[in-house]
Amino acid sequence: MVIKRVAAGLGLLMATTLTGACGAATAAPAPASDKSATPVSDKKNAANYLYASIGDFDTTVKPLIDRPDVAGVQIVVPWKTLERKKNQYDFSQIDQVLNYLQPRHKKLFVQVQDRFFALPARLPNYLLTDPEYHGGAAPTKNDNGLGAGPPGAIAAQWIPQVRDRFQHLLKALAQRFDGRLAGVNLPETSTEVDTSKDHTGFTNDSYFNAELDNMAYGKKVFTRTPFVQYVNFWPGEWNNSHDYMGRTFAFAKSHGIGLGGPDILPNRPAQMQNSYPFFKRYRGQLAIVAMAVQEPDFQYSNPQTKKPYTRQEFTDFGTNTLGANCIFWATSAPWLHQPTAQ
């Protein structure tokens, strides 16, 4: 399986953030009374967003955000950053980003991170120390398809008490930001718990059920901001062998939940045997599709050309095959460091 990555103003955001979550930054504002999730866009190409961790916003995002071909940014925010202590939420960093983007007519996606591909896990301390949460996290093995990575950890969402705390966080976020963000997403479903070291009772089924429960809850509390689940692989499954993937897409469609993924890798065999066929099958039927081109993706080569994927290949496949409405680009993407078209 392919796992990877992330290192992990109170003024009302301009109405453009409510219109076409992945549409052009200058899209016409939606009526103030519209409380529905953003519909799928019919734009030929997906809108371009930057992608970065919240701690890198100043250094990597600010120099690029004013490009006219960038609609906004997706920031990845660790759970611990948002909940310093139990029931003590701190959304100041999101507020600061919103205040910076607002006068620039740029939009904001927030990825709420509950898994970490290197230690320490940036989870609230009480989750890890209070016996009520049975350890709070499970150890993971990491393989990005380019070689084994360091051990990581994932919040044990399959423990009801842990999932309850995560849903409290989602509710608090919605109370503060619903209608002010272009979207909120949960990270990729791919994970590999190190069962030889796990003491949380992880099973493939319990993990799957917990993720769907969080999807449903996120959609419930975010009524005006699109809610998205990244889905790429499910542990214990290959080629929909347990119908995890099939059930995920059917569930998302029936509940108005958006889907996406951490990688656009055109025609890669592993992806083509897991999430990609479902994105193609459900193209135009999901509330929103948000895909990413992250740092490791630039290291892969197109199996047909034997050369690194080009920007156009990423964009064409993401839009035309996967049905993406928006693409989140790592700030290291080569095209971002070239002059914009006049």
C-alpha atoms as a PDB file:
ATOM      1  CA  MET A   1       0.000   0.000   0.000  1.00  0.00           C
ATOM      2  CA  VAL A   2       1.066   3.541  -0.595  1.00  0.00           C
ATOM      3  CA  ILE A   3       1.149   5.739   2.447  1.00  0.00           C
ATOM      4  CA  LYS A   4       2.824   9.051   2.737  1.00  0.00           C
ATOM      5  CA  ARG A   5       3.414  12.428   3.616  1.00  0.00           C
ATOM      6  CA  VAL A   6       2.435  15.395   5.508  1.00  0.00           C
ATOM      7  CA  ALA A   7       4.899  16.707   8.002  1.00  0.00           C
ATOM      8  CA  ALA A   8       3.017  17.031   9.343  1.00  0.00           C
ATOM      9  CA  GLY A   9      -9.409  37.391  11.913  1.00  0.00           C
ATOM     10  CA  LEU A  10     -12.759  36.704  12.967  1.00  0.00           C
ATOM     11  CA  GLY A  11     -14.220  38.852  10.180  1.00  0.00           C
ATOM     12  CA  LEU A  12     -16.515  36.931   7.853  1.00  0.00           C
ATOM     13  CA  LEU A  13     -14.611  35.549   4.894  1.00  0.00           C
ATOM     14  CA  MET A  14     -15.657  37.095   1.611  1.00  0.00           C
ATOM     15  CA  ALA A  15     -18.687  35.572  -0.019  1.00  0.00           C
ATOM     16  CA  THR A  16     -16.520  34.123  -2.780  1.00  0.00           C
ATOM     17  CA  THR A  17     -15.443  31.376  -0.379  1.00  0.00           C
ATOM     18  CA  LEU A  18     -19.018  30.145  -0.311  1.00  0.00           C
ATOM     19  CA  THR A  19     -19.312  29.956  -4.065  1.00  0.00           C
ATOM     20  CA  GLY A  20     -17.933  26.986  -5.905  1.00  0.00           C
ATOM     21  CA  ALA A  21     -15.521  25.605  -3.337  1.00  0.00           C
ATOM     22  CA  CYS A  22     -13.087  24.873  -6.122  1.00  0.00           C
ATOM     23  CA  GLY A  23     -14.191  27.467  -8.639  1.00  0.00           C
ATOM     24  CA  ALA A  24     -12.263  30.513  -9.723  1.00  0.00           C
ATOM     25  CA  ALA A  25     -11.390  32.963  -6.994  1.00  0.00           C
ATOM     26  CA  THR A  26     -13.436  35.631  -8.732  1.00  0.00           C
ATOM     27  CA  ALA A  27     -16.620  33.593  -8.983  1.00  0.00           C
ATOM     28  CA  ALA A  28     -19.857  35.417  -8.287  1.00  0.00           C
ATOM     29  CA  PRO A  29     -20.986  35.156  -4.654  1.00  0.00           C
ATOM     30  CA  ALA A  30     -23.782  32.802  -3.685  1.00  0.00           C
ATOM     31  CA  PRO A  31     -26.984  34.147  -2.170  1.00  0.00           C
ATOM     32  CA  ALA A  32     -26.635  34.678   1.559  1.00  0.00           C
ATOM     33  CA  SER A  33     -29.552  32.352   2.205  1.00  0.00           C
ATOM     34  CA  ASP A  34     -27.970  29.396   0.379  1.00  0.00           C
ATOM     35  CA  LYS A  35     -27.125  26.801   2.990  1.00  0.00           C
ATOM     36  CA  SER A  36     -26.451  23.867   0.699  1.00  0.00           C
ATOM     37  CA  ALA A  37     -23.087  22.308  -0.026  1.00  0.00           C
ATOM     38  CA  THR A  38     -21.276  23.572  -3.082  1.00  0.00           C
ATOM     39  CA  PRO A  39     -22.355  21.738  -6.250  1.00  0.00           C
ATOM     40  CA  VAL A  40     -19.963  20.097  -8.646  1.00  0.00           C
ATOM     41  CA  SER A  41     -18.387  22.588 -11.027  1.00  0.00           C
ATOM     42  CA  ASP A  42     -18.602  22.194 -14.793  1.00  0.00           C
ATOM     43  CA  LYS A  43     -15.313  23.980 -15.391  1.00  0.00           C
ATOM     44  CA  LYS A  44     -13.067  22.273 -17.904  1.00  0.00           C
ATOM     45  CA  ASN A  45     -10.044  22.217 -15.611  1.00  0.00           C
ATOM     46  CA  ALA A  46      -9.907  21.961 -11.855  1.00  0.00           C
ATOM     47  CA  ALA A  47      -9.054  25.082  -9.895  1.00  0.00           C
ATOM     48  CA  ASN A  48      -5.494  25.224  -8.559  1.00  0.00           C
ATOM     49  CA  TYR A  49      -4.839  25.463  -4.842  1.00  0.00           C
ATOM     50  CA  LEU A  50      -1.585  25.456  -2.933  1.00  0.00           C
ATOM     51  CA  TYR A  51      -1.028  22.777  -0.304  1.00  0.00           C
ATOM     52  CA  ALA A  52       1.105  23.141   2.833  1.00  0.00           C
ATOM     53  CA  SER A  53       1.206  22.454   6.530  1.00  0.00           C
ATOM     54  CA  ILE A  54      -0.006  25.313   8.708  1.00  0.00           C
ATOM     55  CA  GLY A  55       3.512  25.917   9.989  1.00  0.00           C
ATOM     56  CA  ASP A  56       4.794  26.548   6.456  1.00  0.00           C
ATOM     57  CA  PHE A  57       2.175  29.096   5.462  1.00  0.00           C
ATOM     58  CA  ASP A  58       4.367  32.151   5.904  1.00  0.00           C
ATOM     59  CA  THR A  59       7.444  30.748   4.189  1.00  0.00           C
ATOM     60  CA  THR A  60       6.013  28.700   1.306  1.00  0.00           C
ATOM     61  CA  VAL A  61       2.469  29.916   0.670  1.00  0.00           C
ATOM     62  CA  LYS A  62       2.675  33.694   1.001  1.00  0.00           C
ATOM     63  CA  PRO A  63       5.249  34.093  -1.810  1.00  0.00           C
ATOM     64  CA  LEU A  64       2.917  32.224  -4.219  1.00  0.00           C
ATOM     65  CA  ILE A  65      -0.633  32.987  -3.117  1.00  0.00           C
ATOM     66  CA  ASP A  66      -1.039  36.148  -5.219  1.00  0.00           C
ATOM     67  CA  ARG A  67      -0.566  34.278  -8.486  1.00  0.00           C
ATOM     68  CA  PRO A  68      -3.716  34.761 -10.597  1.00  0.00           C
ATOM     69  CA  ASP A  69      -3.748  31.051 -11.442  1.00  0.00           C
ATOM     70  CA  VAL A  70      -4.032  30.069  -7.750  1.00  0.00           C
ATOM     71  CA  ALA A  71      -7.527  30.080  -6.237  1.00  0.00           C
ATOM     72  CA  GLY A  72      -6.523  29.469  -2.635  1.00  0.00           C
ATOM     73  CA  VAL A  73      -4.721  27.165  -0.264  1.00  0.00           C
ATOM     74  CA  GLN A  74      -5.259  23.930   1.627  1.00  0.00           C
ATOM     75  CA  ILE A  75      -3.563  23.933   5.012  1.00  0.00           C
ATOM     76  CA  VAL A  76      -2.934  20.779   7.031  1.00  0.00           C
ATOM     77  CA  VAL A  77      -3.505  21.338  10.741  1.00  0.00           C
ATOM     78  CA  PRO A  78      -2.631  18.715  13.404  1.00  0.00           C
ATOM     79  CA  TRP A  79      -5.267  17.839  15.971  1.00  0.00           C
ATOM     80  CA  LYS A  80      -2.987  18.987  18.807  1.00  0.00           C
ATOM     81  CA  THR A  81      -2.662  22.463  17.278  1.00  0.00           C
ATOM     82  CA  LEU A  82      -6.435  22.856  17.428  1.00  0.00           C
ATOM     83  CA  GLU A  83      -7.011  21.328  20.863  1.00  0.00           C
ATOM     84  CA  ARG A  84      -4.191  22.170  23.240  1.00  0.00           C
ATOM     85  CA  LYS A  85      -6.016  20.714  26.241  1.00  0.00           C
ATOM     86  CA  LYS A  86      -9.258  18.813  26.554  1.00  0.00           C
ATOM     87  CA  ASN A  87     -12.111  21.051  25.419  1.00  0.00           C
ATOM     88  CA  GLN A  88      -9.743  24.017  25.059  1.00  0.00           C
ATOM     89  CA  TYR A  89      -9.739  24.821  21.363  1.00  0.00           C
ATOM     90  CA  ASP A  90      -7.351  27.206  19.686  1.00  0.00           C
ATOM     91  CA  PHE A  91      -8.282  28.255  16.157  1.00  0.00           C
ATOM     92  CA  SER A  92      -6.114  31.355  16.090  1.00  0.00           C
ATOM     93  CA  GLN A  93      -3.817  30.080  13.345  1.00  0.00           C
ATOM     94  CA  ILE A  94      -6.760  29.403  11.044  1.00  0.00           C
ATOM     95  CA  ASP A  95      -8.088  32.883  11.811  1.00  0.00           C
ATOM     96  CA  GLN A  96      -4.733  34.388  10.880  1.00  0.00           C
ATOM     97  CA  VAL A  97      -4.704  32.564   7.550  1.00  0.00           C
ATOM     98  CA  LEU A  98      -8.273  33.651   6.795  1.00  0.00           C
ATOM     99  CA  ASN A  99      -7.421  37.258   7.586  1.00  0.00           C
ATOM    100  CA  TYR A 100      -4.491  37.082   5.198  1.00  0.00           C
ATOM    101  CA  LEU A 101      -6.499  35.468   2.376  1.00  0.00           C
ATOM    102  CA  GLN A 102      -9.648  37.573   2.691  1.00  0.00           C
ATOM    103  CA  PRO A 103      -8.425  40.806   1.053  1.00  0.00           C
ATOM    104  CA  ARG A 104      -6.742  38.742  -1.667  1.00  0.00           C
ATOM    105  CA  HIS A 105      -9.997  37.021  -2.642  1.00  0.00           C
ATOM    106  CA  LYS A 106      -8.409  33.620  -2.018  1.00  0.00           C
ATOM    107  CA  LYS A 107     -10.109  30.575  -0.526  1.00  0.00           C
ATOM    108  CA  LEU A 108      -9.180  28.188   2.259  1.00  0.00           C
ATOM    109  CA  PHE A 109      -9.468  24.426   2.725  1.00  0.00           C
ATOM    110  CA  VAL A 110      -8.515  22.921   6.085  1.00  0.00           C
ATOM    111  CA  GLN A 111      -7.293  19.330   6.439  1.00  0.00           C
ATOM    112  CA  VAL A 112      -7.709  18.102  10.015  1.00  0.00           C
ATOM    113  CA  GLN A 113      -4.778  15.763  10.603  1.00  0.00           C
ATOM    114  CA  ASP A 114      -5.146  12.814  12.967  1.00  0.00           C
ATOM    115  CA  ARG A 115      -2.263  10.679  11.618  1.00  0.00           C
ATOM    116  CA  PHE A 116       1.419  11.349  11.397  1.00  0.00           C
ATOM    117  CA  PHE A 117       4.069   9.771   9.249  1.00  0.00           C
ATOM    118  CA  ALA A 118       6.841  10.486  11.723  1.00  0.00           C
ATOM    119  CA  LEU A 119       6.902  10.657  15.506  1.00  0.00           C
ATOM    120  CA  PRO A 120       5.976  12.280  17.812  1.00  0.00           C
ATOM    121  CA  ALA A 121       2.291  12.128  17.010  1.00  0.00           C
ATOM    122  CA  ARG A 122       0.837  15.603  17.240  1.00  0.00           C
ATOM    123  CA  LEU A 123      -2.231  14.554  19.182  1.00  0.00           C
ATOM    124  CA  PRO A 124      -3.580  16.118  22.407  1.00  0.00           C
ATOM    125  CA  ASN A 125      -1.648  14.833  25.394  1.00  0.00           C
ATOM    126  CA  TYR A 126      -4.775  13.748  27.232  1.00  0.00           C
ATOM    127  CA  LEU A 127      -5.574  11.256  24.474  1.00  0.00           C
ATOM    128  CA  LEU A 128      -2.214   9.585  24.956  1.00  0.00           C
ATOM    129  CA  THR A 129      -2.100   9.608  28.757  1.00  0.00           C
ATOM    130  CA  ASP A 130      -5.649   9.296  30.103  1.00  0.00           C
ATOM    131  CA  PRO A 131      -6.582   5.602  30.592  1.00  0.00           C
ATOM    132  CA  GLU A 132     -10.071   6.392  29.287  1.00  0.00           C
ATOM    133  CA  TYR A 133      -8.647   6.474  25.752  1.00  0.00           C
ATOM    134  CA  HIS A 134      -6.724   3.187  25.934  1.00  0.00           C
ATOM    135  CA  GLY A 135      -3.521   4.714  24.592  1.00  0.00           C
ATOM    136  CA  GLY A 136      -5.272   7.007  22.118  1.00  0.00           C
ATOM    137  CA  ALA A 137      -3.084   6.104  19.143  1.00  0.00           C
ATOM    138  CA  ALA A 138      -1.723   3.102  17.282  1.00  0.00           C
ATOM    139  CA  PRO A 139       1.779   2.724  15.825  1.00  0.00           C
ATOM    140  CA  THR A 140       2.049   2.635  12.045  1.00  0.00           C
ATOM    141  CA  LYS A 141       4.496   1.464   9.432  1.00  0.00           C
ATOM    142  CA  ASN A 142       5.114   3.848   6.564  1.00  0.00           C
ATOM    143  CA  ASP A 143       5.923   3.087   2.961  1.00  0.00           C
ATOM    144  CA  ASN A 144       5.590   5.821   0.361  1.00  0.00           C
ATOM    145  CA  GLY A 145       6.158   3.494  -2.554  1.00  0.00           C
ATOM    146  CA  LEU A 146       9.700   4.800  -2.870  1.00  0.00           C
ATOM    147  CA  GLY A 147      11.100   3.055   0.180  1.00  0.00           C
ATOM    148  CA  ALA A 148      10.251   2.463   3.817  1.00  0.00           C
ATOM    149  CA  GLY A 149       9.873   5.522   5.973  1.00  0.00           C
ATOM    150  CA  PRO A 150      10.119   6.100   9.723  1.00  0.00           C
ATOM    151  CA  PRO A 151       7.441   4.765  12.080  1.00  0.00           C
ATOM    152  CA  GLY A 152       4.418   6.939  12.668  1.00  0.00           C
ATOM    153  CA  ALA A 153       1.127   6.884  14.533  1.00  0.00           C
ATOM    154  CA  ILE A 154      -2.593   7.269  13.915  1.00  0.00           C
ATOM    155  CA  ALA A 155      -5.351   8.336  16.304  1.00  0.00           C
ATOM    156  CA  ALA A 156      -7.266   5.223  17.324  1.00  0.00           C
ATOM    157  CA  GLN A 157     -10.578   6.372  15.860  1.00  0.00           C
ATOM    158  CA  TRP A 158     -11.975   2.837  16.273  1.00  0.00           C
ATOM    159  CA  ILE A 159     -12.018   3.412  20.039  1.00  0.00           C
ATOM    160  CA  PRO A 160     -15.405   5.110  20.615  1.00  0.00           C
ATOM    161  CA  GLN A 161     -14.033   7.491  23.238  1.00  0.00           C
ATOM    162  CA  VAL A 162     -11.293   8.700  20.880  1.00  0.00           C
ATOM    163  CA  ARG A 163     -13.727   9.141  18.014  1.00  0.00           C
ATOM    164  CA  ASP A 164     -16.082  11.058  20.274  1.00  0.00           C
ATOM    165  CA  ARG A 165     -13.296  13.534  21.073  1.00  0.00           C
ATOM    166  CA  PHE A 166     -12.476  13.927  17.375  1.00  0.00           C
ATOM    167  CA  GLN A 167     -16.100  14.622  16.601  1.00  0.00           C
ATOM    168  CA  HIS A 168     -16.177  17.215  19.372  1.00  0.00           C
ATOM    169  CA  LEU A 169     -13.327  18.908  17.518  1.00  0.00           C
ATOM    170  CA  LEU A 170     -15.202  18.810  14.214  1.00  0.00           C
ATOM    171  CA  LYS A 171     -18.264  20.299  15.891  1.00  0.00           C
ATOM    172  CA  ALA A 172     -16.221  23.116  17.418  1.00  0.00           C
ATOM    173  CA  LEU A 173     -14.620  23.825  14.033  1.00  0.00           C
ATOM    174  CA  ALA A 174     -18.016  23.925  12.375  1.00  0.00           C
ATOM    175  CA  GLN A 175     -19.404  26.299  14.977  1.00  0.00           C
ATOM    176  CA  ARG A 176     -16.552  28.681  14.232  1.00  0.00           C
ATOM    177  CA  PHE A 177     -15.962  28.259  10.496  1.00  0.00           C
ATOM    178  CA  ASP A 178     -18.968  26.690   8.761  1.00  0.00           C
ATOM    179  CA  GLY A 179     -19.699  28.857   5.736  1.00  0.00           C
ATOM    180  CA  ARG A 180     -16.363  30.637   5.981  1.00  0.00           C
ATOM    181  CA  LEU A 181     -14.193  27.913   4.463  1.00  0.00           C
ATOM    182  CA  ALA A 182     -14.096  26.557   0.926  1.00  0.00           C
ATOM    183  CA  GLY A 183     -13.901  23.056   2.396  1.00  0.00           C
ATOM    184  CA  VAL A 184     -12.800  20.797   5.233  1.00  0.00           C
ATOM    185  CA  ASN A 185     -11.239  17.428   4.577  1.00  0.00           C
ATOM    186  CA  LEU A 186     -10.060  14.401   6.506  1.00  0.00           C
ATOM    187  CA  PRO A 187      -6.762  12.724   5.539  1.00  0.00           C
ATOM    188  CA  GLU A 188      -6.214   9.646   3.413  1.00  0.00           C
ATOM    189  CA  THR A 189      -7.726   6.310   4.398  1.00  0.00           C
ATOM    190  CA  SER A 190      -4.498   4.433   3.676  1.00  0.00           C
ATOM    191  CA  THR A 191      -2.680   3.299   6.791  1.00  0.00           C
ATOM    192  CA  GLU A 192      -0.727   0.304   8.020  1.00  0.00           C
ATOM    193  CA  VAL A 193      -1.052  -0.225  11.739  1.00  0.00           C
ATOM    194  CA  ASP A 194       1.847  -2.177  13.222  1.00  0.00           C
ATOM    195  CA  THR A 195      -0.289  -4.893  14.780  1.00  0.00           C
ATOM    196  CA  SER A 196       2.739  -6.467  16.467  1.00  0.00           C
ATOM    197  CA  LYS A 197       2.973  -3.346  18.656  1.00  0.00           C
ATOM    198  CA  ASP A 198      -0.662  -2.233  18.749  1.00  0.00           C
ATOM    199  CA  HIS A 199      -2.641  -2.384  22.006  1.00  0.00           C
ATOM    200  CA  THR A 200      -5.747  -0.505  20.870  1.00  0.00           C
ATOM    201  CA  GLY A 201      -7.671  -3.395  19.315  1.00  0.00           C
ATOM    202  CA  PHE A 202      -7.333  -2.256  15.706  1.00  0.00           C
ATOM    203  CA  THR A 203      -9.096  -4.296  13.045  1.00  0.00           C
ATOM    204  CA  ASN A 204      -9.692  -3.468   9.408  1.00  0.00           C
ATOM    205  CA  ASP A 205     -13.463  -3.500   9.898  1.00  0.00           C
ATOM    206  CA  SER A 206     -13.408  -1.312  13.013  1.00  0.00           C
ATOM    207  CA  TYR A 207     -11.187   1.222  11.255  1.00  0.00           C
ATOM    208  CA  PHE A 208     -13.430   1.297   8.185  1.00  0.00           C
ATOM    209  CA  ASN A 209     -16.579   1.761  10.248  1.00  0.00           C
ATOM    210  CA  ALA A 210     -14.981   4.517  12.321  1.00  0.00           C
ATOM    211  CA  GLU A 211     -13.921   6.438   9.217  1.00  0.00           C
ATOM    212  CA  LEU A 212     -17.422   6.310   7.761  1.00  0.00           C
ATOM    213  CA  ASP A 213     -18.843   7.460  11.075  1.00  0.00           C
ATOM    214  CA  ASN A 214     -16.534  10.485  11.048  1.00  0.00           C
ATOM    215  CA  MET A 215     -17.517  11.210   7.443  1.00  0.00           C
ATOM    216  CA  ALA A 216     -21.186  11.242   8.364  1.00  0.00           C
ATOM    217  CA  TYR A 217     -20.608  13.377  11.438  1.00  0.00           C
ATOM    218  CA  GLY A 218     -18.501  15.907   9.542  1.00  0.00           C
ATOM    219  CA  LYS A 219     -21.234  16.303   6.948  1.00  0.00           C
ATOM    220  CA  LYS A 220     -23.803  16.702   9.716  1.00  0.00           C
ATOM    221  CA  VAL A 221     -22.047  19.628  11.396  1.00  0.00           C
ATOM    222  CA  PHE A 222     -20.697  21.342   8.273  1.00  0.00           C
ATOM    223  CA  THR A 223     -23.920  22.365   6.568  1.00  0.00           C
ATOM    224  CA  ARG A 224     -22.581  25.258   4.454  1.00  0.00           C
ATOM    225  CA  THR A 225     -18.967  24.202   3.913  1.00  0.00           C
ATOM    226  CA  PRO A 226     -18.228  21.133   1.742  1.00  0.00           C
ATOM    227  CA  PHE A 227     -16.903  18.202   3.748  1.00  0.00           C
ATOM    228  CA  VAL A 228     -14.447  15.843   2.053  1.00  0.00           C
ATOM    229  CA  GLN A 229     -12.858  12.492   2.877  1.00  0.00           C
ATOM    230  CA  TYR A 230      -9.592  11.546   1.200  1.00  0.00           C
ATOM    231  CA  VAL A 231      -9.754   7.914   0.085  1.00  0.00           C
ATOM    232  CA  ASN A 232      -6.976   6.049  -1.692  1.00  0.00           C
ATOM    233  CA  PHE A 233      -6.527   2.573  -0.169  1.00  0.00           C
ATOM    234  CA  TRP A 234      -8.188   0.684   2.680  1.00  0.00           C
ATOM    235  CA  PRO A 235      -6.071  -1.519   4.959  1.00  0.00           C
ATOM    236  CA  GLY A 236      -6.694  -5.195   4.356  1.00  0.00           C
ATOM    237  CA  GLU A 237      -8.218  -4.585   0.947  1.00  0.00           C
ATOM    238  CA  TRP A 238      -7.044  -4.715  -2.642  1.00  0.00           C
ATOM    239  CA  ASN A 239      -9.206  -4.208  -5.718  1.00  0.00           C
ATOM    240  CA  ASN A 240     -12.342  -3.765  -3.568  1.00  0.00           C
ATOM    241  CA  SER A 241     -11.944  -7.273  -2.155  1.00  0.00           C
ATOM    242  CA  HIS A 242     -14.047  -6.401   0.938  1.00  0.00           C
ATOM    243  CA  ASP A 243     -16.214  -3.793  -0.783  1.00  0.00           C
ATOM    244  CA  TYR A 244     -14.719  -1.097   1.450  1.00  0.00           C
ATOM    245  CA  MET A 245     -14.078   1.121  -1.543  1.00  0.00           C
ATOM    246  CA  GLY A 246     -17.439   0.432  -3.111  1.00  0.00           C
ATOM    247  CA  ARG A 247     -19.267   1.170   0.126  1.00  0.00           C
ATOM    248  CA  THR A 248     -17.262   4.350   0.661  1.00  0.00           C
ATOM    249  CA  PHE A 249     -18.282   5.869  -2.665  1.00  0.00           C
ATOM    250  CA  ALA A 250     -21.911   4.797  -2.319  1.00  0.00           C
ATOM    251  CA  PHE A 251     -22.005   6.226   1.209  1.00  0.00           C
ATOM    252  CA  ALA A 252     -20.444   9.520   0.106  1.00  0.00           C
ATOM    253  CA  LYS A 253     -22.869   9.914  -2.773  1.00  0.00           C
ATOM    254  CA  SER A 254     -25.940   9.180  -0.659  1.00  0.00           C
ATOM    255  CA  HIS A 255     -24.837  11.537   2.132  1.00  0.00           C
ATOM    256  CA  GLY A 256     -23.602  14.435   0.005  1.00  0.00           C
ATOM    257  CA  ILE A 257     -20.006  14.003   1.139  1.00  0.00           C
ATOM    258  CA  GLY A 258     -17.112  14.948  -1.109  1.00  0.00           C
ATOM    259  CA  LEU A 259     -14.211  12.612  -1.787  1.00  0.00           C
ATOM    260  CA  GLY A 260     -10.640  13.135  -2.883  1.00  0.00           C
ATOM    261  CA  GLY A 261      -7.158  11.813  -2.485  1.00  0.00           C
ATOM    262  CA  PRO A 262      -3.588  12.737  -1.648  1.00  0.00           C
ATOM    263  CA  ASP A 263      -2.184  11.826  -5.067  1.00  0.00           C
ATOM    264  CA  ILE A 264      -2.881  12.241  -8.742  1.00  0.00           C
ATOM    265  CA  LEU A 265      -0.715   9.575 -10.351  1.00  0.00           C
ATOM    266  CA  PRO A 266      -2.055   8.925 -13.854  1.00  0.00           C
ATOM    267  CA  ASN A 267      -2.571   5.256 -14.662  1.00  0.00           C
ATOM    268  CA  ARG A 268      -0.403   3.974 -11.805  1.00  0.00           C
ATOM    269  CA  PRO A 269      -1.290   0.272 -11.387  1.00  0.00           C
ATOM    270  CA  ALA A 270      -1.869   0.334  -7.619  1.00  0.00           C
ATOM    271  CA  GLN A 271      -4.205   3.308  -7.748  1.00  0.00           C
ATOM    272  CA  MET A 272      -5.978   1.911 -10.804  1.00  0.00           C
ATOM    273  CA  GLN A 273      -6.854  -1.190  -8.775  1.00  0.00           C
ATOM    274  CA  ASN A 274      -8.226   0.737  -5.816  1.00  0.00           C
ATOM    275  CA  SER A 275      -9.776   4.214  -5.690  1.00  0.00           C
ATOM    276  CA  TYR A 276      -9.320   5.482  -9.256  1.00  0.00           C
ATOM    277  CA  PRO A 277     -11.929   3.269 -10.977  1.00  0.00           C
ATOM    278  CA  PHE A 278     -14.502   4.482  -8.466  1.00  0.00           C
ATOM    279  CA  PHE A 279     -13.655   8.137  -9.010  1.00  0.00           C
ATOM    280  CA  LYS A 280     -14.148   7.507 -12.724  1.00  0.00           C
ATOM    281  CA  ARG A 281     -17.416   5.634 -12.160  1.00  0.00           C
ATOM    282  CA  TYR A 282     -18.821   8.314  -9.845  1.00  0.00           C
ATOM    283  CA  ARG A 283     -17.584  11.246 -11.909  1.00  0.00           C
ATOM    284  CA  GLY A 284     -20.156  14.043 -11.676  1.00  0.00           C
ATOM    285  CA  GLN A 285     -22.133  12.262  -8.944  1.00  0.00           C
ATOM    286  CA  LEU A 286     -20.245  13.418  -5.845  1.00  0.00           C
ATOM    287  CA  ALA A 287     -20.728  16.700  -4.009  1.00  0.00           C
ATOM    288  CA  ILE A 288     -17.118  17.658  -4.722  1.00  0.00           C
ATOM    289  CA  VAL A 289     -13.868  15.925  -5.706  1.00  0.00           C
ATOM    290  CA  ALA A 290     -10.626  17.375  -4.360  1.00  0.00           C
ATOM    291  CA  MET A 291      -7.340  15.772  -5.385  1.00  0.00           C
ATOM    292  CA  ALA A 292      -3.743  16.616  -4.495  1.00  0.00           C
ATOM    293  CA  VAL A 293      -0.345  16.509  -6.127  1.00  0.00           C
ATOM    294  CA  GLN A 294       2.015  16.195  -3.176  1.00  0.00           C
ATOM    295  CA  GLU A 295       5.797  16.216  -2.924  1.00  0.00           C
ATOM    296  CA  PRO A 296       6.512  12.517  -3.609  1.00  0.00           C
ATOM    297  CA  ASP A 297       4.331  12.560  -6.727  1.00  0.00           C
ATOM    298  CA  PHE A 298       6.948  14.570  -8.612  1.00  0.00           C
ATOM    299  CA  GLN A 299       9.361  11.663  -8.177  1.00  0.00           C
ATOM    300  CA  TYR A 300       7.200   9.218 -10.110  1.00  0.00           C
ATOM    301  CA  SER A 301       7.453   8.687 -13.856  1.00  0.00           C
ATOM    302  CA  ASN A 302       4.676   8.182 -16.331  1.00  0.00           C
ATOM    303  CA  PRO A 303       4.753   4.436 -17.141  1.00  0.00           C
ATOM    304  CA  GLN A 304       4.046   5.264 -20.776  1.00  0.00           C
ATOM    305  CA  THR A 305       6.604   8.025 -21.379  1.00  0.00           C
ATOM    306  CA  LYS A 306       9.128   6.900 -18.730  1.00  0.00           C
ATOM    307  CA  LYS A 307       9.492  10.587 -17.850  1.00  0.00           C
ATOM    308  CA  PRO A 308       8.281  12.516 -14.792  1.00  0.00           C
ATOM    309  CA  TYR A 309       4.649  13.515 -15.008  1.00  0.00           C
ATOM    310  CA  THR A 310       4.056  16.984 -16.398  1.00  0.00           C
ATOM    311  CA  ARG A 311       1.690  19.565 -14.992  1.00  0.00           C
ATOM    312  CA  GLN A 312      -0.666  18.977 -17.918  1.00  0.00           C
ATOM    313  CA  GLU A 313      -0.666  15.217 -17.365  1.00  0.00           C
ATOM    314  CA  PHE A 314      -1.560  15.697 -13.695  1.00  0.00           C
ATOM    315  CA  THR A 315      -4.279  18.195 -14.595  1.00  0.00           C
ATOM    316  CA  ASP A 316      -5.784  16.245 -17.481  1.00  0.00           C
ATOM    317  CA  PHE A 317      -5.993  12.983 -15.549  1.00  0.00           C
ATOM    318  CA  GLY A 318      -7.247  14.658 -12.380  1.00  0.00           C
ATOM    319  CA  THR A 319      -9.962  16.555 -14.203  1.00  0.00           C
ATOM    320  CA  ASN A 320     -11.029  14.248 -17.003  1.00  0.00           C
ATOM    321  CA  THR A 321     -10.650  10.826 -15.366  1.00  0.00           C
ATOM    322  CA  LEU A 322     -11.019  11.473 -11.642  1.00  0.00           C
ATOM    323  CA  GLY A 323     -13.492  14.342 -11.970  1.00  0.00           C
ATOM    324  CA  ALA A 324     -11.539  16.717  -9.736  1.00  0.00           C
ATOM    325  CA  ASN A 325     -13.020  20.152  -9.130  1.00  0.00           C
ATOM    326  CA  CYS A 326      -9.868  21.361  -7.442  1.00  0.00           C
ATOM    327  CA  ILE A 327      -6.246  20.245  -7.233  1.00  0.00           C
ATOM    328  CA  PHE A 328      -4.030  20.967  -4.250  1.00  0.00           C
ATOM    329  CA  TRP A 329      -0.429  21.404  -5.412  1.00  0.00           C
ATOM    330  CA  ALA A 330       2.623  21.069  -3.196  1.00  0.00           C
ATOM    331  CA  THR A 331       4.403  24.411  -3.169  1.00  0.00           C
ATOM    332  CA  SER A 332       7.445  22.650  -4.657  1.00  0.00           C
ATOM    333  CA  ALA A 333       5.563  22.069  -7.946  1.00  0.00           C
ATOM    334  CA  PRO A 334       7.888  23.326 -10.700  1.00  0.00           C
ATOM    335  CA  TRP A 335       5.208  25.333 -12.510  1.00  0.00           C
ATOM    336  CA  LEU A 336       4.599  27.427  -9.397  1.00  0.00           C
ATOM    337  CA  HIS A 337       8.127  28.781  -9.702  1.00  0.00           C
ATOM    338  CA  GLN A 338       7.749  29.846 -13.301  1.00  0.00           C
ATOM    339  CA  PRO A 339       6.234  33.144 -14.506  1.00  0.00           C
ATOM    340  CA  THR A 340       2.478  33.209 -14.851  1.00  0.00           C
ATOM    341  CA  ALA A 341       0.940  33.387 -18.308  1.00  0.00           C
ATOM    342  CA  GLN A 342       0.138  36.919 -19.431  1.00  0.00           C
END
